[in-house]
Amino acid sequence: MIKSIEDLLTIPEVAEHCRVGERTVRCWIAQPGGLRAIRIGRLVRIRESDLRHFLRQRSR
């Protein structure tokens, strides 16, 4: 369960943090086993913890 709305990042926020384009973030989300995302209607949000986990997995 989500603790608070502050735990969620937008695609532009993730792209800025990772210094990549928004299209790259969308590709990460679309990959099987890729970056986990929450869809709320048409909105897409990423938990900070899911981003940290994804980046740790990619750095191995």
Protein backbone atom coordinates (compact mmCIF):
# COMPACT_ATOMS: atom_id res chain seq x y z
CA MET A 1 0.00 0.00 0.00
CA ILE A 2 1.22 3.50 -0.79
CA LYS A 3 2.18 5.41 2.33
CA SER A 4 1.78 8.88 0.87
CA ILE A 5 1.46 10.69 -2.43
CA GLU A 6 4.97 12.13 -1.96
CA ASP A 7 6.37 8.64 -2.60
CA LEU A 8 5.26 8.85 -6.25
CA LEU A 9 7.27 10.38 -9.09
CA THR A 10 6.14 11.43 -12.55
CA ILE A 11 7.88 10.29 -15.73
CA PRO A 12 9.50 13.75 -16.21
CA GLU A 13 10.81 13.64 -12.63
CA VAL A 14 12.33 10.18 -13.14
CA ALA A 15 13.85 11.29 -16.46
CA GLU A 16 15.43 14.35 -14.84
CA HIS A 17 16.77 12.34 -11.91
CA CYS A 18 18.32 9.72 -14.22
CA ARG A 19 19.41 12.28 -16.83
CA VAL A 20 17.63 10.49 -19.64
CA GLY A 21 14.70 11.36 -21.87
CA GLU A 22 11.08 10.72 -20.99
CA ARG A 23 10.90 8.29 -23.91
CA THR A 24 13.66 6.20 -22.28
CA VAL A 25 11.71 6.05 -19.02
CA ARG A 26 8.60 4.94 -20.93
CA CYS A 27 10.68 2.20 -22.60
CA TRP A 28 11.95 1.04 -19.20
CA ILE A 29 8.33 0.79 -18.02
CA ALA A 30 7.27 -1.14 -21.14
CA GLN A 31 10.04 -3.76 -20.83
CA PRO A 32 9.08 -7.06 -19.23
CA GLY A 33 10.61 -7.00 -15.76
CA GLY A 34 11.45 -3.33 -16.22
CA LEU A 35 10.64 -0.30 -14.13
CA ARG A 36 7.40 -0.82 -12.20
CA ALA A 37 4.81 1.89 -12.60
CA ILE A 38 1.35 2.66 -11.29
CA ARG A 39 -1.32 3.71 -13.74
CA ILE A 40 -4.05 5.94 -12.34
CA GLY A 41 -6.39 6.45 -15.26
CA ARG A 42 -4.16 8.04 -17.90
CA LEU A 43 -1.54 9.11 -15.35
CA VAL A 44 1.63 7.11 -14.75
CA ARG A 45 3.51 7.31 -11.45
CA ILE A 46 6.63 5.55 -10.19
CA ARG A 47 7.35 4.79 -6.54
CA GLU A 48 10.73 6.07 -5.38
CA SER A 49 11.47 2.62 -3.94
CA ASP A 50 10.72 0.97 -7.31
CA LEU A 51 13.07 3.41 -9.05
CA ARG A 52 15.87 2.68 -6.55
CA HIS A 53 15.35 -1.08 -7.00
CA PHE A 54 15.35 -0.76 -10.80
CA LEU A 55 18.56 1.29 -10.80
CA ARG A 56 20.29 -1.17 -8.44
CA GLN A 57 19.33 -4.07 -10.72
CA ARG A 58 20.66 -2.25 -13.80
CA SER A 59 23.99 -1.45 -12.15
CA ARG A 60 24.78 -5.14 -11.56
